[in-house]
Amino acid sequence: MHPTPPQRASDTDREHTAARLRDAVGEGRLTLAEGDERITAAYAAVHRHDLAALTADLAAPPAPPTPPARRRPPLPAVLAVVLVVAWIASPLPFPWPLLLIALVVHRARRRREDRHGGAITPAA
């Protein structure tokens, strides 16, 4: 078998390596002198394995932080609050929002039961 020849580095490969080395200097992983020496070597590199050797002792670049997931308040609770406020502001004496609240709670329980495959037992 013939050994595979080394792959030549492109300008994009050299730029990527130089950027990674500049980041390492900014993070304090390399001194200014080490960074300057390695960046000069990166721009002079001919093969990809030469570039890989320049960053072999550096940790992989950190992944960007993911934003925390936003939690929305449960719809039945929000709807219940809105209906109670509407009942208080209403001139009608009958507590009509309680019927709607009961309907919303009933539907929420049915959905939960369907999702869990049966009746839900109350927590002890």
PDB file of N, CA and C in Angstrom:
ATOM      1  N   MET A   1       0.829  -1.177   0.000  1.00  0.00           N
ATOM      2  CA  MET A   1       0.000   0.000   0.000  1.00  0.00           C
ATOM      3  C   MET A   1       0.876   1.243   0.000  1.00  0.00           C
ATOM      4  N   HIS A   2       0.386   2.234  -0.688  1.00  0.00           N
ATOM      5  CA  HIS A   2       1.106   3.498  -0.748  1.00  0.00           C
ATOM      6  C   HIS A   2       0.608   4.423   0.352  1.00  0.00           C
ATOM      7  N   PRO A   3       1.510   5.080   1.032  1.00  0.00           N
ATOM      8  CA  PRO A   3       1.060   6.039   2.036  1.00  0.00           C
ATOM      9  C   PRO A   3       0.353   7.218   1.358  1.00  0.00           C
ATOM     10  N   THR A   4      -0.692   7.697   1.999  1.00  0.00           N
ATOM     11  CA  THR A   4      -1.425   8.824   1.409  1.00  0.00           C
ATOM     12  C   THR A   4      -0.616  10.101   1.609  1.00  0.00           C
ATOM     13  N   PRO A   5      -0.532  10.893   0.574  1.00  0.00           N
ATOM     14  CA  PRO A   5       0.233  12.133   0.704  1.00  0.00           C
ATOM     15  C   PRO A   5      -0.496  13.109   1.628  1.00  0.00           C
ATOM     16  N   PRO A   6       0.228  13.960   2.317  1.00  0.00           N
ATOM     17  CA  PRO A   6      -0.416  14.924   3.204  1.00  0.00           C
ATOM     18  C   PRO A   6      -1.246  15.923   2.403  1.00  0.00           C
ATOM     19  N   GLN A   7      -2.358  16.336   2.993  1.00  0.00           N
ATOM     20  CA  GLN A   7      -3.228  17.298   2.314  1.00  0.00           C
ATOM     21  C   GLN A   7      -2.688  18.698   2.502  1.00  0.00           C
ATOM     22  N   ARG A   8      -2.746  19.444   1.438  1.00  0.00           N
ATOM     23  CA  ARG A   8      -2.266  20.815   1.504  1.00  0.00           C
ATOM     24  C   ARG A   8      -3.305  21.693   2.195  1.00  0.00           C
ATOM     25  N   ALA A   9      -2.835  22.666   2.933  1.00  0.00           N
ATOM     26  CA  ALA A   9      -3.707  23.575   3.666  1.00  0.00           C
ATOM     27  C   ALA A   9      -4.176  24.703   2.754  1.00  0.00           C
ATOM     28  N   SER A  10      -5.410  25.099   2.937  1.00  0.00           N
ATOM     29  CA  SER A  10      -5.953  26.226   2.167  1.00  0.00           C
ATOM     30  C   SER A  10      -5.806  27.512   2.973  1.00  0.00           C
ATOM     31  N   ASP A  11      -6.047  28.634   2.318  1.00  0.00           N
ATOM     32  CA  ASP A  11      -6.009  29.919   3.026  1.00  0.00           C
ATOM     33  C   ASP A  11      -7.056  29.948   4.138  1.00  0.00           C
ATOM     34  N   THR A  12      -8.218  29.342   3.876  1.00  0.00           N
ATOM     35  CA  THR A  12      -9.275  29.289   4.891  1.00  0.00           C
ATOM     36  C   THR A  12      -8.821  28.481   6.101  1.00  0.00           C
ATOM     37  N   ASP A  13      -8.118  27.366   5.859  1.00  0.00           N
ATOM     38  CA  ASP A  13      -7.592  26.557   6.968  1.00  0.00           C
ATOM     39  C   ASP A  13      -6.605  27.365   7.807  1.00  0.00           C
ATOM     40  N   ARG A  14      -5.727  28.110   7.137  1.00  0.00           N
ATOM     41  CA  ARG A  14      -4.742  28.924   7.860  1.00  0.00           C
ATOM     42  C   ARG A  14      -5.429  30.029   8.661  1.00  0.00           C
ATOM     43  N   GLU A  15      -6.438  30.685   8.055  1.00  0.00           N
ATOM     44  CA  GLU A  15      -7.162  31.751   8.753  1.00  0.00           C
ATOM     45  C   GLU A  15      -7.896  31.193   9.981  1.00  0.00           C
ATOM     46  N   HIS A  16      -8.521  30.031   9.825  1.00  0.00           N
ATOM     47  CA  HIS A  16      -9.247  29.408  10.939  1.00  0.00           C
ATOM     48  C   HIS A  16      -8.289  29.098  12.095  1.00  0.00           C
ATOM     49  N   THR A  17      -7.124  28.539  11.764  1.00  0.00           N
ATOM     50  CA  THR A  17      -6.141  28.213  12.795  1.00  0.00           C
ATOM     51  C   THR A  17      -5.614  29.478  13.458  1.00  0.00           C
ATOM     52  N   ALA A  18      -5.333  30.507  12.681  1.00  0.00           N
ATOM     53  CA  ALA A  18      -4.838  31.768  13.246  1.00  0.00           C
ATOM     54  C   ALA A  18      -5.884  32.393  14.171  1.00  0.00           C
ATOM     55  N   ALA A  19      -7.145  32.330  13.784  1.00  0.00           N
ATOM     56  CA  ALA A  19      -8.208  32.874  14.631  1.00  0.00           C
ATOM     57  C   ALA A  19      -8.295  32.096  15.939  1.00  0.00           C
ATOM     58  N   ARG A  20      -8.165  30.794  15.859  1.00  0.00           N
ATOM     59  CA  ARG A  20      -8.206  29.965  17.065  1.00  0.00           C
ATOM     60  C   ARG A  20      -7.024  30.279  17.987  1.00  0.00           C
ATOM     61  N   LEU A  21      -5.857  30.536  17.394  1.00  0.00           N
ATOM     62  CA  LEU A  21      -4.689  30.892  18.193  1.00  0.00           C
ATOM     63  C   LEU A  21      -4.863  32.276  18.831  1.00  0.00           C
ATOM     64  N   ARG A  22      -5.439  33.222  18.092  1.00  0.00           N
ATOM     65  CA  ARG A  22      -5.695  34.546  18.671  1.00  0.00           C
ATOM     66  C   ARG A  22      -6.665  34.437  19.847  1.00  0.00           C
ATOM     67  N   ASP A  23      -7.682  33.592  19.695  1.00  0.00           N
ATOM     68  CA  ASP A  23      -8.620  33.378  20.803  1.00  0.00           C
ATOM     69  C   ASP A  23      -7.902  32.785  22.018  1.00  0.00           C
ATOM     70  N   ALA A  24      -6.967  31.873  21.772  1.00  0.00           N
ATOM     71  CA  ALA A  24      -6.219  31.244  22.870  1.00  0.00           C
ATOM     72  C   ALA A  24      -5.361  32.280  23.591  1.00  0.00           C
ATOM     73  N   VAL A  25      -4.809  33.230  22.850  1.00  0.00           N
ATOM     74  CA  VAL A  25      -4.039  34.302  23.482  1.00  0.00           C
ATOM     75  C   VAL A  25      -4.973  35.165  24.320  1.00  0.00           C
ATOM     76  N   GLY A  26      -6.138  35.492  23.778  1.00  0.00           N
ATOM     77  CA  GLY A  26      -7.101  36.305  24.505  1.00  0.00           C
ATOM     78  C   GLY A  26      -7.619  35.625  25.762  1.00  0.00           C
ATOM     79  N   GLU A  27      -7.713  34.296  25.751  1.00  0.00           N
ATOM     80  CA  GLU A  27      -8.175  33.541  26.919  1.00  0.00           C
ATOM     81  C   GLU A  27      -7.061  33.301  27.929  1.00  0.00           C
ATOM     82  N   GLY A  28      -5.815  33.617  27.557  1.00  0.00           N
ATOM     83  CA  GLY A  28      -4.694  33.401  28.467  1.00  0.00           C
ATOM     84  C   GLY A  28      -4.095  32.015  28.366  1.00  0.00           C
ATOM     85  N   ARG A  29      -4.448  31.255  27.369  1.00  0.00           N
ATOM     86  CA  ARG A  29      -3.881  29.905  27.199  1.00  0.00           C
ATOM     87  C   ARG A  29      -2.466  29.969  26.614  1.00  0.00           C
ATOM     88  N   LEU A  30      -2.204  31.019  25.853  1.00  0.00           N
ATOM     89  CA  LEU A  30      -0.884  31.227  25.265  1.00  0.00           C
ATOM     90  C   LEU A  30      -0.406  32.624  25.631  1.00  0.00           C
ATOM     91  N   THR A  31       0.920  32.770  25.760  1.00  0.00           N
ATOM     92  CA  THR A  31       1.466  34.104  25.965  1.00  0.00           C
ATOM     93  C   THR A  31       1.477  34.826  24.623  1.00  0.00           C
ATOM     94  N   LEU A  32       1.722  36.136  24.680  1.00  0.00           N
ATOM     95  CA  LEU A  32       1.775  36.897  23.425  1.00  0.00           C
ATOM     96  C   LEU A  32       2.882  36.383  22.513  1.00  0.00           C
ATOM     97  N   ALA A  33       4.031  36.047  23.099  1.00  0.00           N
ATOM     98  CA  ALA A  33       5.154  35.558  22.290  1.00  0.00           C
ATOM     99  C   ALA A  33       4.810  34.211  21.652  1.00  0.00           C
ATOM    100  N   GLU A  34       4.221  33.297  22.436  1.00  0.00           N
ATOM    101  CA  GLU A  34       3.834  31.994  21.878  1.00  0.00           C
ATOM    102  C   GLU A  34       2.790  32.168  20.784  1.00  0.00           C
ATOM    103  N   GLY A  35       1.807  33.023  21.049  1.00  0.00           N
ATOM    104  CA  GLY A  35       0.761  33.256  20.057  1.00  0.00           C
ATOM    105  C   GLY A  35       1.321  33.825  18.767  1.00  0.00           C
ATOM    106  N   ASP A  36       2.219  34.800  18.871  1.00  0.00           N
ATOM    107  CA  ASP A  36       2.811  35.407  17.680  1.00  0.00           C
ATOM    108  C   ASP A  36       3.625  34.378  16.896  1.00  0.00           C
ATOM    109  N   GLU A  37       4.370  33.559  17.619  1.00  0.00           N
ATOM    110  CA  GLU A  37       5.187  32.526  16.969  1.00  0.00           C
ATOM    111  C   GLU A  37       4.299  31.507  16.236  1.00  0.00           C
ATOM    112  N   ARG A  38       3.233  31.069  16.889  1.00  0.00           N
ATOM    113  CA  ARG A  38       2.356  30.066  16.278  1.00  0.00           C
ATOM    114  C   ARG A  38       1.534  30.654  15.132  1.00  0.00           C
ATOM    115  N   ILE A  39       1.093  31.895  15.261  1.00  0.00           N
ATOM    116  CA  ILE A  39       0.321  32.517  14.166  1.00  0.00           C
ATOM    117  C   ILE A  39       1.206  32.683  12.940  1.00  0.00           C
ATOM    118  N   THR A  40       2.479  33.077  13.138  1.00  0.00           N
ATOM    119  CA  THR A  40       3.418  33.184  12.011  1.00  0.00           C
ATOM    120  C   THR A  40       3.597  31.812  11.358  1.00  0.00           C
ATOM    121  N   ALA A  41       3.716  30.771  12.192  1.00  0.00           N
ATOM    122  CA  ALA A  41       3.868  29.413  11.656  1.00  0.00           C
ATOM    123  C   ALA A  41       2.593  28.963  10.943  1.00  0.00           C
ATOM    124  N   ALA A  42       1.431  29.410  11.414  1.00  0.00           N
ATOM    125  CA  ALA A  42       0.168  29.018  10.772  1.00  0.00           C
ATOM    126  C   ALA A  42       0.087  29.589   9.358  1.00  0.00           C
ATOM    127  N   TYR A  43       0.479  30.847   9.208  1.00  0.00           N
ATOM    128  CA  TYR A  43       0.428  31.444   7.870  1.00  0.00           C
ATOM    129  C   TYR A  43       1.498  30.877   6.941  1.00  0.00           C
ATOM    130  N   ALA A  44       2.556  30.291   7.507  1.00  0.00           N
ATOM    131  CA  ALA A  44       3.608  29.686   6.697  1.00  0.00           C
ATOM    132  C   ALA A  44       3.364  28.198   6.441  1.00  0.00           C
ATOM    133  N   ALA A  45       2.375  27.609   7.090  1.00  0.00           N
ATOM    134  CA  ALA A  45       2.132  26.164   6.975  1.00  0.00           C
ATOM    135  C   ALA A  45       1.723  25.786   5.555  1.00  0.00           C
ATOM    136  N   VAL A  46       2.197  24.625   5.124  1.00  0.00           N
ATOM    137  CA  VAL A  46       1.887  24.125   3.781  1.00  0.00           C
ATOM    138  C   VAL A  46       0.846  23.016   3.853  1.00  0.00           C
ATOM    139  N   HIS A  47       0.945  22.171   4.866  1.00  0.00           N
ATOM    140  CA  HIS A  47       0.054  21.020   4.985  1.00  0.00           C
ATOM    141  C   HIS A  47      -0.851  21.151   6.205  1.00  0.00           C
ATOM    142  N   ARG A  48      -1.974  20.437   6.141  1.00  0.00           N
ATOM    143  CA  ARG A  48      -2.940  20.486   7.238  1.00  0.00           C
ATOM    144  C   ARG A  48      -2.379  19.941   8.545  1.00  0.00           C
ATOM    145  N   HIS A  49      -1.551  18.914   8.472  1.00  0.00           N
ATOM    146  CA  HIS A  49      -1.005  18.356   9.709  1.00  0.00           C
ATOM    147  C   HIS A  49      -0.093  19.368  10.409  1.00  0.00           C
ATOM    148  N   ASP A  50       0.500  20.306   9.647  1.00  0.00           N
ATOM    149  CA  ASP A  50       1.294  21.370  10.274  1.00  0.00           C
ATOM    150  C   ASP A  50       0.389  22.285  11.101  1.00  0.00           C
ATOM    151  N   LEU A  51      -0.807  22.563  10.575  1.00  0.00           N
ATOM    152  CA  LEU A  51      -1.752  23.414  11.300  1.00  0.00           C
ATOM    153  C   LEU A  51      -2.287  22.699  12.541  1.00  0.00           C
ATOM    154  N   ALA A  52      -2.556  21.408  12.403  1.00  0.00           N
ATOM    155  CA  ALA A  52      -3.087  20.642  13.531  1.00  0.00           C
ATOM    156  C   ALA A  52      -2.081  20.607  14.679  1.00  0.00           C
ATOM    157  N   ALA A  53      -0.790  20.546  14.356  1.00  0.00           N
ATOM    158  CA  ALA A  53       0.234  20.507  15.398  1.00  0.00           C
ATOM    159  C   ALA A  53       0.283  21.815  16.183  1.00  0.00           C
ATOM    160  N   LEU A  54      -0.104  22.935  15.553  1.00  0.00           N
ATOM    161  CA  LEU A  54      -0.058  24.232  16.232  1.00  0.00           C
ATOM    162  C   LEU A  54      -1.147  24.381  17.300  1.00  0.00           C
ATOM    163  N   THR A  55      -2.238  23.647  17.134  1.00  0.00           N
ATOM    164  CA  THR A  55      -3.357  23.763  18.086  1.00  0.00           C
ATOM    165  C   THR A  55      -3.602  22.465  18.862  1.00  0.00           C
ATOM    166  N   ALA A  56      -2.693  21.503  18.748  1.00  0.00           N
ATOM    167  CA  ALA A  56      -2.903  20.194  19.378  1.00  0.00           C
ATOM    168  C   ALA A  56      -2.966  20.285  20.898  1.00  0.00           C
ATOM    169  N   ASP A  57      -2.226  21.198  21.502  1.00  0.00           N
ATOM    170  CA  ASP A  57      -2.226  21.282  22.967  1.00  0.00           C
ATOM    171  C   ASP A  57      -3.277  22.245  23.516  1.00  0.00           C
ATOM    172  N   LEU A  58      -4.121  22.796  22.633  1.00  0.00           N
ATOM    173  CA  LEU A  58      -5.188  23.700  23.070  1.00  0.00           C
ATOM    174  C   LEU A  58      -6.485  22.924  23.207  1.00  0.00           C
ATOM    175  N   ALA A  59      -7.264  23.292  24.194  1.00  0.00           N
ATOM    176  CA  ALA A  59      -8.567  22.641  24.392  1.00  0.00           C
ATOM    177  C   ALA A  59      -9.479  22.999  23.225  1.00  0.00           C
ATOM    178  N   ALA A  60     -10.454  22.149  23.001  1.00  0.00           N
ATOM    179  CA  ALA A  60     -11.432  22.422  21.943  1.00  0.00           C
ATOM    180  C   ALA A  60     -12.170  23.716  22.280  1.00  0.00           C
ATOM    181  N   PRO A  61     -12.533  24.477  21.265  1.00  0.00           N
ATOM    182  CA  PRO A  61     -13.258  25.726  21.551  1.00  0.00           C
ATOM    183  C   PRO A  61     -14.571  25.426  22.264  1.00  0.00           C
ATOM    184  N   PRO A  62     -14.916  26.238  23.274  1.00  0.00           N
ATOM    185  CA  PRO A  62     -16.146  25.971  24.019  1.00  0.00           C
ATOM    186  C   PRO A  62     -17.381  26.198  23.160  1.00  0.00           C
ATOM    187  N   ALA A  63     -18.390  25.408  23.451  1.00  0.00           N
ATOM    188  CA  ALA A  63     -19.660  25.558  22.734  1.00  0.00           C
ATOM    189  C   ALA A  63     -20.352  26.829  23.228  1.00  0.00           C
ATOM    190  N   PRO A  64     -21.065  27.513  22.346  1.00  0.00           N
ATOM    191  CA  PRO A  64     -21.753  28.718  22.800  1.00  0.00           C
ATOM    192  C   PRO A  64     -22.828  28.362  23.820  1.00  0.00           C
ATOM    193  N   PRO A  65     -23.011  29.217  24.825  1.00  0.00           N
ATOM    194  CA  PRO A  65     -24.011  28.898  25.852  1.00  0.00           C
ATOM    195  C   PRO A  65     -25.419  28.931  25.279  1.00  0.00           C
ATOM    196  N   THR A  66     -26.236  28.010  25.748  1.00  0.00           N
ATOM    197  CA  THR A  66     -27.620  27.972  25.290  1.00  0.00           C
ATOM    198  C   THR A  66     -28.472  28.782  26.254  1.00  0.00           C
ATOM    199  N   PRO A  67     -29.381  29.557  25.718  1.00  0.00           N
ATOM    200  CA  PRO A  67     -30.227  30.355  26.615  1.00  0.00           C
ATOM    201  C   PRO A  67     -31.161  29.445  27.407  1.00  0.00           C
ATOM    202  N   PRO A  68     -31.482  29.832  28.635  1.00  0.00           N
ATOM    203  CA  PRO A  68     -32.390  28.997  29.433  1.00  0.00           C
ATOM    204  C   PRO A  68     -33.781  28.970  28.802  1.00  0.00           C
ATOM    205  N   ALA A  69     -34.418  27.843  28.949  1.00  0.00           N
ATOM    206  CA  ALA A  69     -35.762  27.689  28.386  1.00  0.00           C
ATOM    207  C   ALA A  69     -36.749  28.543  29.179  1.00  0.00           C
ATOM    208  N   ARG A  70     -37.623  29.214  28.460  1.00  0.00           N
ATOM    209  CA  ARG A  70     -38.641  30.024  29.117  1.00  0.00           C
ATOM    210  C   ARG A  70     -39.836  29.155  29.451  1.00  0.00           C
ATOM    211  N   ARG A  71     -40.307  29.291  30.670  1.00  0.00           N
ATOM    212  CA  ARG A  71     -41.485  28.542  31.081  1.00  0.00           C
ATOM    213  C   ARG A  71     -42.673  29.474  31.079  1.00  0.00           C
ATOM    214  N   ARG A  72     -43.746  29.010  30.482  1.00  0.00           N
ATOM    215  CA  ARG A  72     -44.979  29.791  30.481  1.00  0.00           C
ATOM    216  C   ARG A  72     -45.860  29.327  31.622  1.00  0.00           C
ATOM    217  N   PRO A  73     -46.622  30.253  32.212  1.00  0.00           N
ATOM    218  CA  PRO A  73     -47.546  29.822  33.264  1.00  0.00           C
ATOM    219  C   PRO A  73     -48.632  28.933  32.671  1.00  0.00           C
ATOM    220  N   PRO A  74     -49.178  28.022  33.458  1.00  0.00           N
ATOM    221  CA  PRO A  74     -50.217  27.129  32.934  1.00  0.00           C
ATOM    222  C   PRO A  74     -51.462  27.922  32.524  1.00  0.00           C
ATOM    223  N   LEU A  75     -51.984  27.586  31.365  1.00  0.00           N
ATOM    224  CA  LEU A  75     -53.130  28.303  30.806  1.00  0.00           C
ATOM    225  C   LEU A  75     -54.356  28.261  31.715  1.00  0.00           C
ATOM    226  N   PRO A  76     -54.716  27.122  32.319  1.00  0.00           N
ATOM    227  CA  PRO A  76     -55.907  27.127  33.186  1.00  0.00           C
ATOM    228  C   PRO A  76     -55.780  28.109  34.354  1.00  0.00           C
ATOM    229  N   ALA A  77     -54.609  28.226  34.945  1.00  0.00           N
ATOM    230  CA  ALA A  77     -54.442  29.147  36.069  1.00  0.00           C
ATOM    231  C   ALA A  77     -54.596  30.595  35.619  1.00  0.00           C
ATOM    232  N   VAL A  78     -54.001  30.936  34.486  1.00  0.00           N
ATOM    233  CA  VAL A  78     -54.114  32.307  33.973  1.00  0.00           C
ATOM    234  C   VAL A  78     -55.558  32.621  33.617  1.00  0.00           C
ATOM    235  N   LEU A  79     -56.226  31.675  32.967  1.00  0.00           N
ATOM    236  CA  LEU A  79     -57.618  31.880  32.593  1.00  0.00           C
ATOM    237  C   LEU A  79     -58.509  32.022  33.831  1.00  0.00           C
ATOM    238  N   ALA A  80     -58.226  31.241  34.861  1.00  0.00           N
ATOM    239  CA  ALA A  80     -59.013  31.337  36.097  1.00  0.00           C
ATOM    240  C   ALA A  80     -58.860  32.718  36.730  1.00  0.00           C
ATOM    241  N   VAL A  81     -57.663  33.239  36.759  1.00  0.00           N
ATOM    242  CA  VAL A  81     -57.440  34.572  37.331  1.00  0.00           C
ATOM    243  C   VAL A  81     -58.184  35.630  36.521  1.00  0.00           C
ATOM    244  N   VAL A  82     -58.109  35.534  35.198  1.00  0.00           N
ATOM    245  CA  VAL A  82     -58.802  36.514  34.348  1.00  0.00           C
ATOM    246  C   VAL A  82     -60.313  36.443  34.578  1.00  0.00           C
ATOM    247  N   LEU A  83     -60.857  35.247  34.678  1.00  0.00           N
ATOM    248  CA  LEU A  83     -62.294  35.106  34.875  1.00  0.00           C
ATOM    249  C   LEU A  83     -62.739  35.601  36.254  1.00  0.00           C
ATOM    250  N   VAL A  84     -61.951  35.371  37.280  1.00  0.00           N
ATOM    251  CA  VAL A  84     -62.301  35.868  38.608  1.00  0.00           C
ATOM    252  C   VAL A  84     -62.294  37.393  38.615  1.00  0.00           C
ATOM    253  N   VAL A  85     -61.308  37.988  37.964  1.00  0.00           N
ATOM    254  CA  VAL A  85     -61.272  39.455  37.879  1.00  0.00           C
ATOM    255  C   VAL A  85     -62.477  39.962  37.100  1.00  0.00           C
ATOM    256  N   ALA A  86     -62.844  39.264  36.023  1.00  0.00           N
ATOM    257  CA  ALA A  86     -64.020  39.672  35.255  1.00  0.00           C
ATOM    258  C   ALA A  86     -65.293  39.551  36.102  1.00  0.00           C
ATOM    259  N   TRP A  87     -65.384  38.509  36.932  1.00  0.00           N
ATOM    260  CA  TRP A  87     -66.554  38.329  37.792  1.00  0.00           C
ATOM    261  C   TRP A  87     -66.654  39.450  38.830  1.00  0.00           C
ATOM    262  N   ILE A  88     -65.493  39.804  39.411  1.00  0.00           N
ATOM    263  CA  ILE A  88     -65.486  40.878  40.413  1.00  0.00           C
ATOM    264  C   ILE A  88     -65.888  42.205  39.778  1.00  0.00           C
ATOM    265  N   ALA A  89     -65.448  42.448  38.551  1.00  0.00           N
ATOM    266  CA  ALA A  89     -65.759  43.707  37.872  1.00  0.00           C
ATOM    267  C   ALA A  89     -67.161  43.708  37.270  1.00  0.00           C
ATOM    268  N   SER A  90     -67.791  42.546  37.182  1.00  0.00           N
ATOM    269  CA  SER A  90     -69.102  42.438  36.549  1.00  0.00           C
ATOM    270  C   SER A  90     -70.221  42.871  37.505  1.00  0.00           C
ATOM    271  N   PRO A  91     -71.267  43.523  36.975  1.00  0.00           N
ATOM    272  CA  PRO A  91     -72.389  43.904  37.834  1.00  0.00           C
ATOM    273  C   PRO A  91     -73.359  42.742  38.094  1.00  0.00           C
ATOM    274  N   LEU A  92     -73.162  41.606  37.440  1.00  0.00           N
ATOM    275  CA  LEU A  92     -74.065  40.469  37.618  1.00  0.00           C
ATOM    276  C   LEU A  92     -73.814  39.792  38.970  1.00  0.00           C
ATOM    277  N   PRO A  93     -74.869  39.413  39.699  1.00  0.00           N
ATOM    278  CA  PRO A  93     -74.681  38.795  41.019  1.00  0.00           C
ATOM    279  C   PRO A  93     -74.268  37.332  40.941  1.00  0.00           C
ATOM    280  N   PHE A  94     -74.630  36.628  39.855  1.00  0.00           N
ATOM    281  CA  PHE A  94     -74.330  35.196  39.749  1.00  0.00           C
ATOM    282  C   PHE A  94     -72.844  35.013  39.402  1.00  0.00           C
ATOM    283  N   PRO A  95     -72.146  34.099  40.082  1.00  0.00           N
ATOM    284  CA  PRO A  95     -70.712  33.893  39.805  1.00  0.00           C
ATOM    285  C   PRO A  95     -70.498  33.075  38.524  1.00  0.00           C
ATOM    286  N   TRP A  96     -70.857  33.650  37.370  1.00  0.00           N
ATOM    287  CA  TRP A  96     -70.762  32.944  36.091  1.00  0.00           C
ATOM    288  C   TRP A  96     -69.352  32.507  35.734  1.00  0.00           C
ATOM    289  N   PRO A  97     -68.284  33.208  36.127  1.00  0.00           N
ATOM    290  CA  PRO A  97     -66.949  32.716  35.753  1.00  0.00           C
ATOM    291  C   PRO A  97     -66.607  31.378  36.390  1.00  0.00           C
ATOM    292  N   LEU A  98     -67.253  31.034  37.513  1.00  0.00           N
ATOM    293  CA  LEU A  98     -66.961  29.746  38.149  1.00  0.00           C
ATOM    294  C   LEU A  98     -67.335  28.577  37.245  1.00  0.00           C
ATOM    295  N   LEU A  99     -68.370  28.741  36.443  1.00  0.00           N
ATOM    296  CA  LEU A  99     -68.735  27.687  35.493  1.00  0.00           C
ATOM    297  C   LEU A  99     -67.635  27.500  34.441  1.00  0.00           C
ATOM    298  N   LEU A 100     -67.122  28.604  33.955  1.00  0.00           N
ATOM    299  CA  LEU A 100     -66.043  28.506  32.963  1.00  0.00           C
ATOM    300  C   LEU A 100     -64.763  27.937  33.578  1.00  0.00           C
ATOM    301  N   ILE A 101     -64.484  28.334  34.810  1.00  0.00           N
ATOM    302  CA  ILE A 101     -63.294  27.803  35.490  1.00  0.00           C
ATOM    303  C   ILE A 101     -63.441  26.292  35.674  1.00  0.00           C
ATOM    304  N   ALA A 102     -64.626  25.844  36.072  1.00  0.00           N
ATOM    305  CA  ALA A 102     -64.856  24.408  36.239  1.00  0.00           C
ATOM    306  C   ALA A 102     -64.676  23.667  34.926  1.00  0.00           C
ATOM    307  N   LEU A 103     -65.138  24.256  33.840  1.00  0.00           N
ATOM    308  CA  LEU A 103     -64.969  23.642  32.523  1.00  0.00           C
ATOM    309  C   LEU A 103     -63.500  23.538  32.150  1.00  0.00           C
ATOM    310  N   VAL A 104     -62.737  24.574  32.375  1.00  0.00           N
ATOM    311  CA  VAL A 104     -61.311  24.567  32.040  1.00  0.00           C
ATOM    312  C   VAL A 104     -60.572  23.535  32.876  1.00  0.00           C
ATOM    313  N   VAL A 105     -60.866  23.479  34.169  1.00  0.00           N
ATOM    314  CA  VAL A 105     -60.202  22.501  35.040  1.00  0.00           C
ATOM    315  C   VAL A 105     -60.558  21.084  34.611  1.00  0.00           C
ATOM    316  N   HIS A 106     -61.820  20.856  34.286  1.00  0.00           N
ATOM    317  CA  HIS A 106     -62.257  19.528  33.840  1.00  0.00           C
ATOM    318  C   HIS A 106     -61.516  19.103  32.573  1.00  0.00           C
ATOM    319  N   ARG A 107     -61.424  20.007  31.604  1.00  0.00           N
ATOM    320  CA  ARG A 107     -60.722  19.683  30.351  1.00  0.00           C
ATOM    321  C   ARG A 107     -59.245  19.427  30.587  1.00  0.00           C
ATOM    322  N   ALA A 108     -58.632  20.207  31.487  1.00  0.00           N
ATOM    323  CA  ALA A 108     -57.213  20.012  31.787  1.00  0.00           C
ATOM    324  C   ALA A 108     -56.977  18.641  32.423  1.00  0.00           C
ATOM    325  N   ARG A 109     -57.876  18.228  33.310  1.00  0.00           N
ATOM    326  CA  ARG A 109     -57.740  16.903  33.928  1.00  0.00           C
ATOM    327  C   ARG A 109     -57.904  15.790  32.905  1.00  0.00           C
ATOM    328  N   ARG A 110     -58.862  15.958  32.001  1.00  0.00           N
ATOM    329  CA  ARG A 110     -59.069  14.925  30.968  1.00  0.00           C
ATOM    330  C   ARG A 110     -57.841  14.802  30.073  1.00  0.00           C
ATOM    331  N   ARG A 111     -57.245  15.927  29.711  1.00  0.00           N
ATOM    332  CA  ARG A 111     -56.038  15.875  28.879  1.00  0.00           C
ATOM    333  C   ARG A 111     -54.898  15.190  29.617  1.00  0.00           C
ATOM    334  N   ARG A 112     -54.752  15.500  30.889  1.00  0.00           N
ATOM    335  CA  ARG A 112     -53.697  14.889  31.680  1.00  0.00           C
ATOM    336  C   ARG A 112     -53.918  13.389  31.799  1.00  0.00           C
ATOM    337  N   GLU A 113     -55.173  12.974  31.996  1.00  0.00           N
ATOM    338  CA  GLU A 113     -55.481  11.547  32.082  1.00  0.00           C
ATOM    339  C   GLU A 113     -55.193  10.854  30.760  1.00  0.00           C
ATOM    340  N   ASP A 114     -55.554  11.496  29.653  1.00  0.00           N
ATOM    341  CA  ASP A 114     -55.286  10.903  28.340  1.00  0.00           C
ATOM    342  C   ASP A 114     -53.783  10.779  28.097  1.00  0.00           C
ATOM    343  N   ARG A 115     -53.041  11.776  28.535  1.00  0.00           N
ATOM    344  CA  ARG A 115     -51.601  11.768  28.340  1.00  0.00           C
ATOM    345  C   ARG A 115     -50.932  10.676  29.157  1.00  0.00           C
ATOM    346  N   HIS A 116     -51.425  10.447  30.370  1.00  0.00           N
ATOM    347  CA  HIS A 116     -50.822   9.453  31.253  1.00  0.00           C
ATOM    348  C   HIS A 116     -51.481   8.086  31.141  1.00  0.00           C
ATOM    349  N   GLY A 117     -52.478   7.951  30.329  1.00  0.00           N
ATOM    350  CA  GLY A 117     -53.078   6.656  30.075  1.00  0.00           C
ATOM    351  C   GLY A 117     -53.980   6.123  31.167  1.00  0.00           C
ATOM    352  N   GLY A 118     -54.629   6.949  31.899  1.00  0.00           N
ATOM    353  CA  GLY A 118     -55.536   6.470  32.929  1.00  0.00           C
ATOM    354  C   GLY A 118     -55.822   7.562  33.937  1.00  0.00           C
ATOM    355  N   ALA A 119     -56.516   7.150  34.993  1.00  0.00           N
ATOM    356  CA  ALA A 119     -56.887   8.115  36.033  1.00  0.00           C
ATOM    357  C   ALA A 119     -55.654   8.529  36.797  1.00  0.00           C
ATOM    358  N   ILE A 120     -55.646   9.763  37.233  1.00  0.00           N
ATOM    359  CA  ILE A 120     -54.537  10.285  38.008  1.00  0.00           C
ATOM    360  C   ILE A 120     -54.897  10.227  39.473  1.00  0.00           C
ATOM    361  N   THR A 121     -53.989   9.656  40.238  1.00  0.00           N
ATOM    362  CA  THR A 121     -54.231   9.586  41.672  1.00  0.00           C
ATOM    363  C   THR A 121     -53.629  10.819  42.326  1.00  0.00           C
ATOM    364  N   PRO A 122     -54.308  11.359  43.315  1.00  0.00           N
ATOM    365  CA  PRO A 122     -53.759  12.552  43.964  1.00  0.00           C
ATOM    366  C   PRO A 122     -52.482  12.219  44.719  1.00  0.00           C
ATOM    367  N   ALA A 123     -51.587  13.178  44.756  1.00  0.00           N
ATOM    368  CA  ALA A 123     -50.312  12.973  45.446  1.00  0.00           C
ATOM    369  C   ALA A 123     -50.546  12.965  46.955  1.00  0.00           C
ATOM    370  N   ALA A 124     -49.849  12.071  47.628  1.00  0.00           N
ATOM    371  CA  ALA A 124     -49.998  11.961  49.089  1.00  0.00           C
ATOM    372  C   ALA A 124     -49.010  12.843  49.788  1.00  0.00           C
TER     373      ALA A 124
END
